[in-house]
């Protein structure tokens, strides 16, 4: 596995990707993050071998980490009051 990671910022979420993403993967990650931000269901379709699973995992986990960071900042502010 290559040690060259790419980082993409989509809708304010920093997504680390283990390689250079294909345009279809970037489009899928964009749709996933927008759906998660809006608490929406997503129906995404892409051909076999296009990297759907990788795009889904990387974007969903990055969004979750981003949300955890925001919650930590919010509750961290409350602890200092």
PDB file of N, CA and C in Angstrom:
ATOM      1  N   UNK A   1       0.841  -1.182   0.000  1.00  0.00           N
ATOM      2  CA  UNK A   1       0.000   0.000   0.000  1.00  0.00           C
ATOM      3  C   UNK A   1       0.884   1.243   0.000  1.00  0.00           C
ATOM      4  N   UNK A   2       0.495   2.215  -0.777  1.00  0.00           N
ATOM      5  CA  UNK A   2       1.250   3.448  -0.898  1.00  0.00           C
ATOM      6  C   UNK A   2       1.144   4.270   0.384  1.00  0.00           C
ATOM      7  N   UNK A   3       2.228   4.950   0.733  1.00  0.00           N
ATOM      8  CA  UNK A   3       2.200   5.805   1.923  1.00  0.00           C
ATOM      9  C   UNK A   3       1.788   7.230   1.560  1.00  0.00           C
ATOM     10  N   UNK A   4       1.418   7.455   0.312  1.00  0.00           N
ATOM     11  CA  UNK A   4       1.011   8.777  -0.142  1.00  0.00           C
ATOM     12  C   UNK A   4      -0.496   8.946   0.032  1.00  0.00           C
ATOM     13  N   UNK A   5      -0.884   9.693   1.051  1.00  0.00           N
ATOM     14  CA  UNK A   5      -2.297   9.952   1.307  1.00  0.00           C
ATOM     15  C   UNK A   5      -2.654  11.295   0.702  1.00  0.00           C
ATOM     16  N   UNK A   6      -3.861  11.380   0.191  1.00  0.00           N
ATOM     17  CA  UNK A   6      -4.389  12.647  -0.316  1.00  0.00           C
ATOM     18  C   UNK A   6      -5.418  13.147   0.683  1.00  0.00           C
ATOM     19  N   UNK A   7      -5.548  14.457   0.781  1.00  0.00           N
ATOM     20  CA  UNK A   7      -6.551  15.030   1.677  1.00  0.00           C
ATOM     21  C   UNK A   7      -7.444  15.965   0.880  1.00  0.00           C
ATOM     22  N   UNK A   8      -8.733  15.778   1.055  1.00  0.00           N
ATOM     23  CA  UNK A   8      -9.733  16.588   0.357  1.00  0.00           C
ATOM     24  C   UNK A   8     -10.630  17.225   1.410  1.00  0.00           C
ATOM     25  N   UNK A   9     -10.996  18.483   1.201  1.00  0.00           N
ATOM     26  CA  UNK A   9     -11.948  19.143   2.086  1.00  0.00           C
ATOM     27  C   UNK A   9     -13.249  19.300   1.320  1.00  0.00           C
ATOM     28  N   UNK A  10     -14.285  18.640   1.827  1.00  0.00           N
ATOM     29  CA  UNK A  10     -15.597  18.648   1.188  1.00  0.00           C
ATOM     30  C   UNK A  10     -16.610  19.131   2.219  1.00  0.00           C
ATOM     31  N   UNK A  11     -17.261  20.236   1.933  1.00  0.00           N
ATOM     32  CA  UNK A  11     -18.263  20.830   2.838  1.00  0.00           C
ATOM     33  C   UNK A  11     -17.695  21.031   4.242  1.00  0.00           C
ATOM     34  N   UNK A  12     -16.443  21.422   4.335  1.00  0.00           N
ATOM     35  CA  UNK A  12     -15.816  21.680   5.623  1.00  0.00           C
ATOM     36  C   UNK A  12     -15.285  20.446   6.333  1.00  0.00           C
ATOM     37  N   UNK A  13     -15.395  19.282   5.720  1.00  0.00           N
ATOM     38  CA  UNK A  13     -14.921  18.035   6.325  1.00  0.00           C
ATOM     39  C   UNK A  13     -13.625  17.624   5.632  1.00  0.00           C
ATOM     40  N   UNK A  14     -12.557  17.439   6.403  1.00  0.00           N
ATOM     41  CA  UNK A  14     -11.276  17.000   5.845  1.00  0.00           C
ATOM     42  C   UNK A  14     -11.285  15.483   5.725  1.00  0.00           C
ATOM     43  N   UNK A  15     -11.186  15.006   4.500  1.00  0.00           N
ATOM     44  CA  UNK A  15     -11.236  13.570   4.225  1.00  0.00           C
ATOM     45  C   UNK A  15      -9.863  13.110   3.782  1.00  0.00           C
ATOM     46  N   UNK A  16      -9.293  12.159   4.514  1.00  0.00           N
ATOM     47  CA  UNK A  16      -8.015  11.559   4.139  1.00  0.00           C
ATOM     48  C   UNK A  16      -8.315  10.346   3.262  1.00  0.00           C
ATOM     49  N   UNK A  17      -7.650  10.282   2.121  1.00  0.00           N
ATOM     50  CA  UNK A  17      -7.894   9.232   1.142  1.00  0.00           C
ATOM     51  C   UNK A  17      -6.552   8.579   0.830  1.00  0.00           C
ATOM     52  N   UNK A  18      -6.493   7.240   0.775  1.00  0.00           N
ATOM     53  CA  UNK A  18      -5.195   6.562   0.635  1.00  0.00           C
ATOM     54  C   UNK A  18      -4.544   6.687  -0.737  1.00  0.00           C
ATOM     55  N   UNK A  19      -5.174   7.352  -1.673  1.00  0.00           N
ATOM     56  CA  UNK A  19      -4.615   7.527  -3.019  1.00  0.00           C
ATOM     57  C   UNK A  19      -5.282   8.750  -3.641  1.00  0.00           C
ATOM     58  N   UNK A  20      -4.904   9.075  -4.860  1.00  0.00           N
ATOM     59  CA  UNK A  20      -5.563  10.174  -5.564  1.00  0.00           C
ATOM     60  C   UNK A  20      -6.950   9.684  -5.974  1.00  0.00           C
ATOM     61  N   UNK A  21      -7.985  10.413  -5.572  1.00  0.00           N
ATOM     62  CA  UNK A  21      -9.362   9.985  -5.826  1.00  0.00           C
ATOM     63  C   UNK A  21      -9.755  10.232  -7.278  1.00  0.00           C
ATOM     64  N   UNK A  22     -10.541   9.319  -7.801  1.00  0.00           N
ATOM     65  CA  UNK A  22     -11.135   9.500  -9.125  1.00  0.00           C
ATOM     66  C   UNK A  22     -12.234  10.555  -9.022  1.00  0.00           C
ATOM     67  N   UNK A  23     -12.553  11.220 -10.127  1.00  0.00           N
ATOM     68  CA  UNK A  23     -13.655  12.206 -10.087  1.00  0.00           C
ATOM     69  C   UNK A  23     -14.973  11.604  -9.583  1.00  0.00           C
ATOM     70  N   UNK A  24     -15.253  10.358  -9.944  1.00  0.00           N
ATOM     71  CA  UNK A  24     -16.493   9.729  -9.473  1.00  0.00           C
ATOM     72  C   UNK A  24     -16.466   9.521  -7.958  1.00  0.00           C
ATOM     73  N   UNK A  25     -15.286   9.258  -7.381  1.00  0.00           N
ATOM     74  CA  UNK A  25     -15.173   9.104  -5.938  1.00  0.00           C
ATOM     75  C   UNK A  25     -15.359  10.448  -5.239  1.00  0.00           C
ATOM     76  N   UNK A  26     -14.830  11.505  -5.819  1.00  0.00           N
ATOM     77  CA  UNK A  26     -15.018  12.845  -5.243  1.00  0.00           C
ATOM     78  C   UNK A  26     -16.490  13.234  -5.267  1.00  0.00           C
ATOM     79  N   UNK A  27     -17.158  12.932  -6.367  1.00  0.00           N
ATOM     80  CA  UNK A  27     -18.590  13.238  -6.463  1.00  0.00           C
ATOM     81  C   UNK A  27     -19.373  12.442  -5.432  1.00  0.00           C
ATOM     82  N   UNK A  28     -19.002  11.177  -5.244  1.00  0.00           N
ATOM     83  CA  UNK A  28     -19.694  10.338  -4.274  1.00  0.00           C
ATOM     84  C   UNK A  28     -19.444  10.850  -2.852  1.00  0.00           C
ATOM     85  N   UNK A  29     -18.206  11.209  -2.531  1.00  0.00           N
ATOM     86  CA  UNK A  29     -17.905  11.725  -1.195  1.00  0.00           C
ATOM     87  C   UNK A  29     -18.649  13.027  -0.938  1.00  0.00           C
ATOM     88  N   UNK A  30     -18.765  13.865  -1.958  1.00  0.00           N
ATOM     89  CA  UNK A  30     -19.520  15.105  -1.826  1.00  0.00           C
ATOM     90  C   UNK A  30     -20.981  14.802  -1.497  1.00  0.00           C
ATOM     91  N   UNK A  31     -21.579  13.870  -2.207  1.00  0.00           N
ATOM     92  CA  UNK A  31     -22.979  13.509  -1.958  1.00  0.00           C
ATOM     93  C   UNK A  31     -23.166  12.903  -0.567  1.00  0.00           C
ATOM     94  N   UNK A  32     -22.209  12.096  -0.148  1.00  0.00           N
ATOM     95  CA  UNK A  32     -22.299  11.445   1.161  1.00  0.00           C
ATOM     96  C   UNK A  32     -22.225  12.489   2.279  1.00  0.00           C
ATOM     97  N   UNK A  33     -21.267  13.384   2.201  1.00  0.00           N
ATOM     98  CA  UNK A  33     -21.108  14.397   3.253  1.00  0.00           C
ATOM     99  C   UNK A  33     -22.318  15.338   3.276  1.00  0.00           C
ATOM    100  N   UNK A  34     -22.800  15.739   2.106  1.00  0.00           N
ATOM    101  CA  UNK A  34     -23.989  16.597   2.075  1.00  0.00           C
ATOM    102  C   UNK A  34     -25.190  15.866   2.669  1.00  0.00           C
ATOM    103  N   UNK A  35     -25.342  14.587   2.372  1.00  0.00           N
ATOM    104  CA  UNK A  35     -26.445  13.813   2.937  1.00  0.00           C
ATOM    105  C   UNK A  35     -26.335  13.677   4.447  1.00  0.00           C
ATOM    106  N   UNK A  36     -25.136  13.422   4.937  1.00  0.00           N
ATOM    107  CA  UNK A  36     -24.936  13.304   6.378  1.00  0.00           C
ATOM    108  C   UNK A  36     -25.180  14.640   7.083  1.00  0.00           C
ATOM    109  N   UNK A  37     -24.695  15.718   6.484  1.00  0.00           N
ATOM    110  CA  UNK A  37     -24.925  17.045   7.078  1.00  0.00           C
ATOM    111  C   UNK A  37     -26.403  17.381   7.150  1.00  0.00           C
ATOM    112  N   UNK A  38     -27.169  16.923   6.173  1.00  0.00           N
ATOM    113  CA  UNK A  38     -28.593  17.216   6.136  1.00  0.00           C
ATOM    114  C   UNK A  38     -29.464  16.138   6.737  1.00  0.00           C
ATOM    115  N   UNK A  39     -28.868  15.136   7.365  1.00  0.00           N
ATOM    116  CA  UNK A  39     -29.606  14.001   7.950  1.00  0.00           C
ATOM    117  C   UNK A  39     -30.558  13.382   6.925  1.00  0.00           C
ATOM    118  N   UNK A  40     -30.046  13.171   5.720  1.00  0.00           N
ATOM    119  CA  UNK A  40     -30.848  12.649   4.624  1.00  0.00           C
ATOM    120  C   UNK A  40     -30.431  11.228   4.265  1.00  0.00           C
ATOM    121  N   UNK A  41     -31.345  10.524   3.620  1.00  0.00           N
ATOM    122  CA  UNK A  41     -31.020   9.235   3.030  1.00  0.00           C
ATOM    123  C   UNK A  41     -30.368   9.492   1.680  1.00  0.00           C
ATOM    124  N   UNK A  42     -29.442   8.618   1.295  1.00  0.00           N
ATOM    125  CA  UNK A  42     -28.764   8.776   0.006  1.00  0.00           C
ATOM    126  C   UNK A  42     -28.859   7.476  -0.773  1.00  0.00           C
ATOM    127  N   UNK A  43     -29.167   7.585  -2.034  1.00  0.00           N
ATOM    128  CA  UNK A  43     -29.134   6.453  -2.942  1.00  0.00           C
ATOM    129  C   UNK A  43     -28.089   6.787  -3.986  1.00  0.00           C
ATOM    130  N   UNK A  44     -26.938   6.140  -3.890  1.00  0.00           N
ATOM    131  CA  UNK A  44     -25.811   6.445  -4.762  1.00  0.00           C
ATOM    132  C   UNK A  44     -25.495   5.239  -5.631  1.00  0.00           C
ATOM    133  N   UNK A  45     -25.176   5.513  -6.874  1.00  0.00           N
ATOM    134  CA  UNK A  45     -24.932   4.446  -7.829  1.00  0.00           C
ATOM    135  C   UNK A  45     -23.647   4.751  -8.586  1.00  0.00           C
ATOM    136  N   UNK A  46     -22.850   3.721  -8.765  1.00  0.00           N
ATOM    137  CA  UNK A  46     -21.593   3.865  -9.486  1.00  0.00           C
ATOM    138  C   UNK A  46     -21.195   2.477 -10.007  1.00  0.00           C
ATOM    139  N   UNK A  47     -20.477   2.410 -11.129  1.00  0.00           N
ATOM    140  CA  UNK A  47     -20.108   1.111 -11.701  1.00  0.00           C
ATOM    141  C   UNK A  47     -19.215   0.277 -10.779  1.00  0.00           C
ATOM    142  N   UNK A  48     -19.227  -1.005 -11.017  1.00  0.00           N
ATOM    143  CA  UNK A  48     -18.362  -1.931 -10.283  1.00  0.00           C
ATOM    144  C   UNK A  48     -16.902  -1.533 -10.482  1.00  0.00           C
ATOM    145  N   UNK A  49     -16.150  -1.546  -9.391  1.00  0.00           N
ATOM    146  CA  UNK A  49     -14.725  -1.237  -9.465  1.00  0.00           C
ATOM    147  C   UNK A  49     -14.397   0.240  -9.436  1.00  0.00           C
ATOM    148  N   UNK A  50     -15.377   1.082  -9.151  1.00  0.00           N
ATOM    149  CA  UNK A  50     -15.127   2.525  -9.155  1.00  0.00           C
ATOM    150  C   UNK A  50     -14.686   3.060  -7.791  1.00  0.00           C
ATOM    151  N   UNK A  51     -14.620   2.205  -6.779  1.00  0.00           N
ATOM    152  CA  UNK A  51     -14.142   2.627  -5.466  1.00  0.00           C
ATOM    153  C   UNK A  51     -15.235   3.155  -4.548  1.00  0.00           C
ATOM    154  N   UNK A  52     -16.441   2.633  -4.702  1.00  0.00           N
ATOM    155  CA  UNK A  52     -17.573   3.086  -3.877  1.00  0.00           C
ATOM    156  C   UNK A  52     -17.332   2.842  -2.394  1.00  0.00           C
ATOM    157  N   UNK A  53     -16.893   1.650  -2.065  1.00  0.00           N
ATOM    158  CA  UNK A  53     -16.708   1.293  -0.649  1.00  0.00           C
ATOM    159  C   UNK A  53     -15.664   2.183   0.014  1.00  0.00           C
ATOM    160  N   UNK A  54     -14.569   2.421  -0.673  1.00  0.00           N
ATOM    161  CA  UNK A  54     -13.509   3.270  -0.127  1.00  0.00           C
ATOM    162  C   UNK A  54     -14.001   4.702   0.062  1.00  0.00           C
ATOM    163  N   UNK A  55     -14.720   5.216  -0.929  1.00  0.00           N
ATOM    164  CA  UNK A  55     -15.254   6.577  -0.834  1.00  0.00           C
ATOM    165  C   UNK A  55     -16.257   6.684   0.312  1.00  0.00           C
ATOM    166  N   UNK A  56     -17.102   5.683   0.456  1.00  0.00           N
ATOM    167  CA  UNK A  56     -18.098   5.684   1.522  1.00  0.00           C
ATOM    168  C   UNK A  56     -17.439   5.647   2.894  1.00  0.00           C
ATOM    169  N   UNK A  57     -16.517   4.733   3.089  1.00  0.00           N
ATOM    170  CA  UNK A  57     -15.862   4.601   4.393  1.00  0.00           C
ATOM    171  C   UNK A  57     -15.052   5.843   4.756  1.00  0.00           C
ATOM    172  N   UNK A  58     -14.252   6.331   3.818  1.00  0.00           N
ATOM    173  CA  UNK A  58     -13.410   7.492   4.119  1.00  0.00           C
ATOM    174  C   UNK A  58     -14.250   8.725   4.440  1.00  0.00           C
ATOM    175  N   UNK A  59     -15.297   8.972   3.649  1.00  0.00           N
ATOM    176  CA  UNK A  59     -16.101  10.171   3.877  1.00  0.00           C
ATOM    177  C   UNK A  59     -16.962  10.059   5.132  1.00  0.00           C
ATOM    178  N   UNK A  60     -17.555   8.895   5.382  1.00  0.00           N
ATOM    179  CA  UNK A  60     -18.402   8.731   6.568  1.00  0.00           C
ATOM    180  C   UNK A  60     -17.573   8.812   7.850  1.00  0.00           C
ATOM    181  N   UNK A  61     -16.405   8.196   7.864  1.00  0.00           N
ATOM    182  CA  UNK A  61     -15.561   8.253   9.052  1.00  0.00           C
ATOM    183  C   UNK A  61     -15.004   9.653   9.279  1.00  0.00           C
ATOM    184  N   UNK A  62     -14.649  10.347   8.203  1.00  0.00           N
ATOM    185  CA  UNK A  62     -14.161  11.726   8.347  1.00  0.00           C
ATOM    186  C   UNK A  62     -15.261  12.636   8.867  1.00  0.00           C
ATOM    187  N   UNK A  63     -16.493  12.436   8.381  1.00  0.00           N
ATOM    188  CA  UNK A  63     -17.617  13.244   8.855  1.00  0.00           C
ATOM    189  C   UNK A  63     -17.858  12.985  10.344  1.00  0.00           C
ATOM    190  N   UNK A  64     -17.774  11.712  10.756  1.00  0.00           N
ATOM    191  CA  UNK A  64     -17.979  11.364  12.164  1.00  0.00           C
ATOM    192  C   UNK A  64     -16.896  12.012  13.035  1.00  0.00           C
ATOM    193  N   UNK A  65     -15.654  11.966  12.589  1.00  0.00           N
ATOM    194  CA  UNK A  65     -14.569  12.591  13.349  1.00  0.00           C
ATOM    195  C   UNK A  65     -14.767  14.105  13.428  1.00  0.00           C
ATOM    196  N   UNK A  66     -15.229  14.690  12.341  1.00  0.00           N
ATOM    197  CA  UNK A  66     -15.500  16.127  12.322  1.00  0.00           C
ATOM    198  C   UNK A  66     -16.603  16.480  13.319  1.00  0.00           C
ATOM    199  N   UNK A  67     -17.644  15.689  13.351  1.00  0.00           N
ATOM    200  CA  UNK A  67     -18.749  15.914  14.279  1.00  0.00           C
ATOM    201  C   UNK A  67     -18.277  15.760  15.721  1.00  0.00           C
ATOM    202  N   UNK A  68     -17.474  14.734  15.991  1.00  0.00           N
ATOM    203  CA  UNK A  68     -16.940  14.537  17.342  1.00  0.00           C
ATOM    204  C   UNK A  68     -16.079  15.724  17.762  1.00  0.00           C
ATOM    205  N   UNK A  69     -15.300  16.266  16.825  1.00  0.00           N
ATOM    206  CA  UNK A  69     -14.479  17.438  17.128  1.00  0.00           C
ATOM    207  C   UNK A  69     -15.328  18.649  17.473  1.00  0.00           C
ATOM    208  N   UNK A  70     -16.423  18.847  16.725  1.00  0.00           N
ATOM    209  CA  UNK A  70     -17.316  19.975  16.995  1.00  0.00           C
ATOM    210  C   UNK A  70     -17.992  19.816  18.356  1.00  0.00           C
ATOM    211  N   UNK A  71     -18.414  18.606  18.686  1.00  0.00           N
ATOM    212  CA  UNK A  71     -19.043  18.357  19.983  1.00  0.00           C
ATOM    213  C   UNK A  71     -18.054  18.583  21.121  1.00  0.00           C
ATOM    214  N   UNK A  72     -16.812  18.143  20.905  1.00  0.00           N
ATOM    215  CA  UNK A  72     -15.782  18.334  21.927  1.00  0.00           C
ATOM    216  C   UNK A  72     -15.527  19.824  22.149  1.00  0.00           C
ATOM    217  N   UNK A  73     -15.479  20.599  21.066  1.00  0.00           N
ATOM    218  CA  UNK A  73     -15.278  22.044  21.205  1.00  0.00           C
ATOM    219  C   UNK A  73     -16.442  22.682  21.962  1.00  0.00           C
ATOM    220  N   UNK A  74     -17.648  22.259  21.631  1.00  0.00           N
ATOM    221  CA  UNK A  74     -18.835  22.829  22.271  1.00  0.00           C
ATOM    222  C   UNK A  74     -18.857  22.509  23.759  1.00  0.00           C
ATOM    223  N   UNK A  75     -18.691  21.230  24.103  1.00  0.00           N
ATOM    224  CA  UNK A  75     -18.733  20.843  25.502  1.00  0.00           C
ATOM    225  C   UNK A  75     -17.493  21.288  26.246  1.00  0.00           C
ATOM    226  N   UNK A  76     -16.388  21.440  25.560  1.00  0.00           N
ATOM    227  CA  UNK A  76     -15.184  21.968  26.178  1.00  0.00           C
ATOM    228  C   UNK A  76     -15.397  23.396  26.650  1.00  0.00           C
ATOM    229  N   UNK A  77     -16.144  24.163  25.835  1.00  0.00           N
ATOM    230  CA  UNK A  77     -16.473  25.550  26.216  1.00  0.00           C
ATOM    231  C   UNK A  77     -17.354  25.573  27.446  1.00  0.00           C
ATOM    232  N   UNK A  78     -18.269  24.617  27.558  1.00  0.00           N
ATOM    233  CA  UNK A  78     -19.159  24.570  28.713  1.00  0.00           C
ATOM    234  C   UNK A  78     -18.388  24.228  29.991  1.00  0.00           C
ATOM    235  N   UNK A  79     -17.357  23.382  29.872  1.00  0.00           N
ATOM    236  CA  UNK A  79     -16.603  23.000  31.061  1.00  0.00           C
ATOM    237  C   UNK A  79     -15.839  24.176  31.645  1.00  0.00           C
ATOM    238  N   UNK A  80     -15.467  25.142  30.798  1.00  0.00           N
ATOM    239  CA  UNK A  80     -14.679  26.256  31.303  1.00  0.00           C
ATOM    240  C   UNK A  80     -15.551  27.330  31.966  1.00  0.00           C
ATOM    241  N   UNK A  81     -16.868  27.223  31.848  1.00  0.00           N
ATOM    242  CA  UNK A  81     -17.755  28.231  32.461  1.00  0.00           C
ATOM    243  C   UNK A  81     -17.850  28.070  33.953  1.00  0.00           C
TER     244      UNK A  81
END
